Protein backbone atom coordinates (compact mmCIF):
# COMPACT_ATOMS: atom_id res chain seq x y z
CA MET A 1 -26.39 -29.48 12.12
CA PRO A 2 -28.16 -26.16 11.62
CA GLY A 3 -26.52 -22.90 12.77
CA THR A 4 -26.03 -22.33 16.46
CA HIS A 5 -27.99 -19.08 16.44
CA PRO A 6 -31.79 -19.21 16.52
CA GLU A 7 -33.59 -17.88 13.47
CA ARG A 8 -34.64 -14.24 13.83
CA ARG A 9 -38.32 -13.79 13.18
CA ARG A 10 -40.19 -10.63 12.50
CA SER A 11 -42.52 -9.53 15.25
CA PRO A 12 -46.21 -10.10 14.52
CA PHE A 13 -46.79 -6.53 15.69
CA PRO A 14 -45.93 -3.71 13.29
CA ASP A 15 -43.25 -1.28 14.25
CA VAL A 16 -44.47 1.99 15.72
CA ARG A 17 -42.75 3.80 12.85
CA ASP A 18 -44.93 1.83 10.43
CA TRP A 19 -48.03 3.05 12.26
CA PHE A 20 -46.90 6.65 12.61
CA GLY A 21 -44.95 7.28 9.42
CA THR A 22 -44.04 10.63 7.96
CA ASP A 23 -47.60 11.15 6.69
CA PHE A 24 -48.95 11.01 10.22
CA PRO A 25 -49.64 14.49 11.60
CA ARG A 26 -47.33 15.54 14.40
CA PHE A 27 -48.78 16.99 17.54
CA PRO A 28 -46.79 19.84 19.08
CA LEU A 29 -47.83 18.83 22.60
CA TRP A 30 -45.90 15.56 22.26
CA ARG A 31 -42.60 17.37 21.85
CA THR A 32 -40.74 18.32 25.00
CA SER A 33 -39.77 21.93 25.58
CA PHE A 34 -36.09 20.93 25.31
CA ASP A 35 -36.53 19.61 21.78
CA THR A 36 -34.81 21.73 19.16
CA HIS A 37 -35.22 21.14 15.44
CA PRO A 38 -32.08 21.11 13.30
CA ILE A 39 -31.79 23.70 10.55
CA ALA A 40 -30.91 22.51 7.04
CA ILE A 41 -27.76 24.32 5.92
CA ALA A 42 -25.21 24.55 3.10
CA VAL A 43 -21.72 25.94 3.77
CA THR A 44 -19.31 27.00 1.02
CA ASN A 45 -15.77 28.35 1.13
CA LYS A 46 -14.82 30.44 -1.88
CA ASP A 47 -12.12 33.10 -2.22
CA GLY A 48 -11.55 33.35 1.54
CA GLN A 49 -15.22 33.84 2.38
CA TYR A 50 -17.43 31.30 4.11
CA THR A 51 -21.08 31.45 3.17
CA LEU A 52 -23.69 29.71 5.26
CA ARG A 53 -27.17 29.33 3.79
CA ALA A 54 -29.93 28.14 6.14
CA GLU A 55 -33.51 27.16 5.30
CA LEU A 56 -35.81 29.07 7.65
CA PRO A 57 -39.16 29.48 5.87
CA GLY A 58 -41.90 31.59 7.39
CA MET A 59 -39.65 33.49 9.79
CA ASP A 60 -39.58 37.18 10.56
CA PRO A 61 -35.84 37.94 10.52
CA ALA A 62 -36.21 40.96 12.82
CA LYS A 63 -37.80 39.03 15.68
CA ASP A 64 -37.48 35.27 15.01
CA ILE A 65 -33.82 34.78 13.95
CA ARG A 66 -30.72 35.24 16.12
CA ILE A 67 -27.09 34.83 15.01
CA THR A 68 -24.30 34.61 17.58
CA VAL A 69 -20.55 34.29 17.19
CA GLU A 70 -18.04 33.03 19.72
CA GLY A 71 -14.42 32.42 18.69
CA ASP A 72 -14.61 30.14 15.64
CA THR A 73 -18.24 29.11 16.19
CA LEU A 74 -21.29 30.58 14.45
CA THR A 75 -24.74 29.71 15.81
CA VAL A 76 -28.06 30.35 14.08
CA SER A 77 -31.13 30.13 16.33
CA ALA A 78 -34.76 30.72 15.47
CA GLU A 79 -38.13 30.48 17.13
CA HIS A 80 -41.30 29.91 15.12
CA THR A 81 -44.57 30.19 17.02
CA GLU A 82 -47.81 28.67 15.85
CA SER A 83 -50.55 31.01 14.72
CA LYS A 84 -53.83 31.02 16.63
CA GLU A 85 -55.98 30.30 13.56
CA GLU A 86 -57.94 27.04 13.47
CA LYS A 87 -56.43 24.38 11.18
CA ASP A 88 -57.75 21.05 9.95
CA HIS A 89 -54.22 19.79 9.28
CA SER A 90 -50.73 21.27 9.45
CA GLU A 91 -47.28 19.87 8.77
CA PHE A 92 -45.49 23.13 9.57
CA ARG A 93 -42.78 22.93 12.21
CA TYR A 94 -43.08 25.15 15.23
CA GLY A 95 -40.75 25.65 18.15
CA SER A 96 -37.02 26.20 18.47
CA PHE A 97 -34.54 25.70 15.66
CA GLN A 98 -30.76 25.82 16.02
CA ARG A 99 -27.57 25.00 14.13
CA THR A 100 -23.94 25.59 15.12
CA VAL A 101 -21.07 25.60 12.63
CA ARG A 102 -17.36 25.67 13.48
CA LEU A 103 -15.18 27.56 11.01
CA PRO A 104 -11.44 26.92 10.61
CA GLY A 105 -10.40 30.08 12.44
CA PRO A 106 -11.65 32.91 14.63
CA ILE A 107 -14.55 34.81 13.10
CA PRO A 108 -13.62 38.47 12.58
CA SER A 109 -15.69 41.11 14.35
CA ASP A 110 -15.98 43.21 11.18
CA GLY A 111 -17.36 42.32 7.78
CA VAL A 112 -19.82 39.56 8.76
CA GLU A 113 -23.12 40.11 6.95
CA ALA A 114 -26.51 38.39 7.13
CA ALA A 115 -29.52 38.66 4.82
CA TYR A 116 -32.88 36.87 4.68
CA GLU A 117 -34.76 36.39 1.42
CA ASP A 118 -37.44 33.92 0.29
CA GLY A 119 -37.10 31.77 3.43
CA VAL A 120 -33.31 31.43 3.19
CA LEU A 121 -30.88 33.07 5.60
CA THR A 122 -27.45 33.81 4.10
CA VAL A 123 -24.51 34.63 6.39
CA CYS A 124 -21.22 35.70 4.78
CA VAL A 125 -18.06 35.51 6.89
CA PRO A 126 -14.79 36.87 5.46
CA MET A 127 -11.97 34.70 6.75
CA PRO A 128 -8.49 36.18 6.92
CA ALA A 129 -5.75 34.32 5.08
CA ALA A 130 -4.12 31.63 7.17
CA PRO A 131 -1.00 32.95 8.87
CA GLU A 132 2.30 31.68 7.57
CA GLU A 133 3.58 28.68 9.41
CA SER A 134 5.64 29.87 12.31
CA ARG A 135 7.48 26.61 12.86
CA ARG A 136 11.20 26.96 13.28
CA SER A 137 14.12 25.19 14.89
CA ILE A 138 15.65 26.40 18.12
CA PRO A 139 19.27 25.42 18.75
CA VAL A 140 19.92 23.55 21.99
CA LYS A 141 22.97 24.50 24.02
CA ARG A 142 24.81 22.12 26.28
CA THR A 143 25.53 23.60 29.66
CA THR A 144 28.74 22.80 31.49
CA ALA A 145 29.24 22.33 35.19
CA ASP A 146 30.23 25.98 35.62
CA GLY A 147 26.85 27.06 34.09
CA LYS A 148 28.29 28.41 30.87
CA GLY A 149 26.75 27.20 27.63
CA GLU A 150 28.46 25.66 24.64
CA SER A 151 26.97 25.81 21.16
CA SER A 152 26.25 22.47 19.61
């Protein structure tokens, strides 16, 4: 007796991804206004300093890139607007870009530096040394009926 499950057959119609593969031009009007592109990043931790490198080609760092810090979270946001010139074909990405990274501790208010060169944003965050473990034992006293404690 053959298996109890029917044989899976491939649809006679190609998958939409086959029709509109990565070579197919993307139309900005198809993207919703809430769509945000991820930013490709690399994060390293060396000698107590976290370094975040983010690929943001074609940006003007003074007006297109924004870096915010809240507690232990660093967020890089960018906006890239399309130029008005007529194009026959473009694969450039336009719109909003954002990436949030959580670091292992609160980000200090001093010493954080950011630089932009050749399409790469570099953010350096000095992280203070981890505090010594503050775990300790607390003795428990037994209280008597008269409210006075005895050491155990």
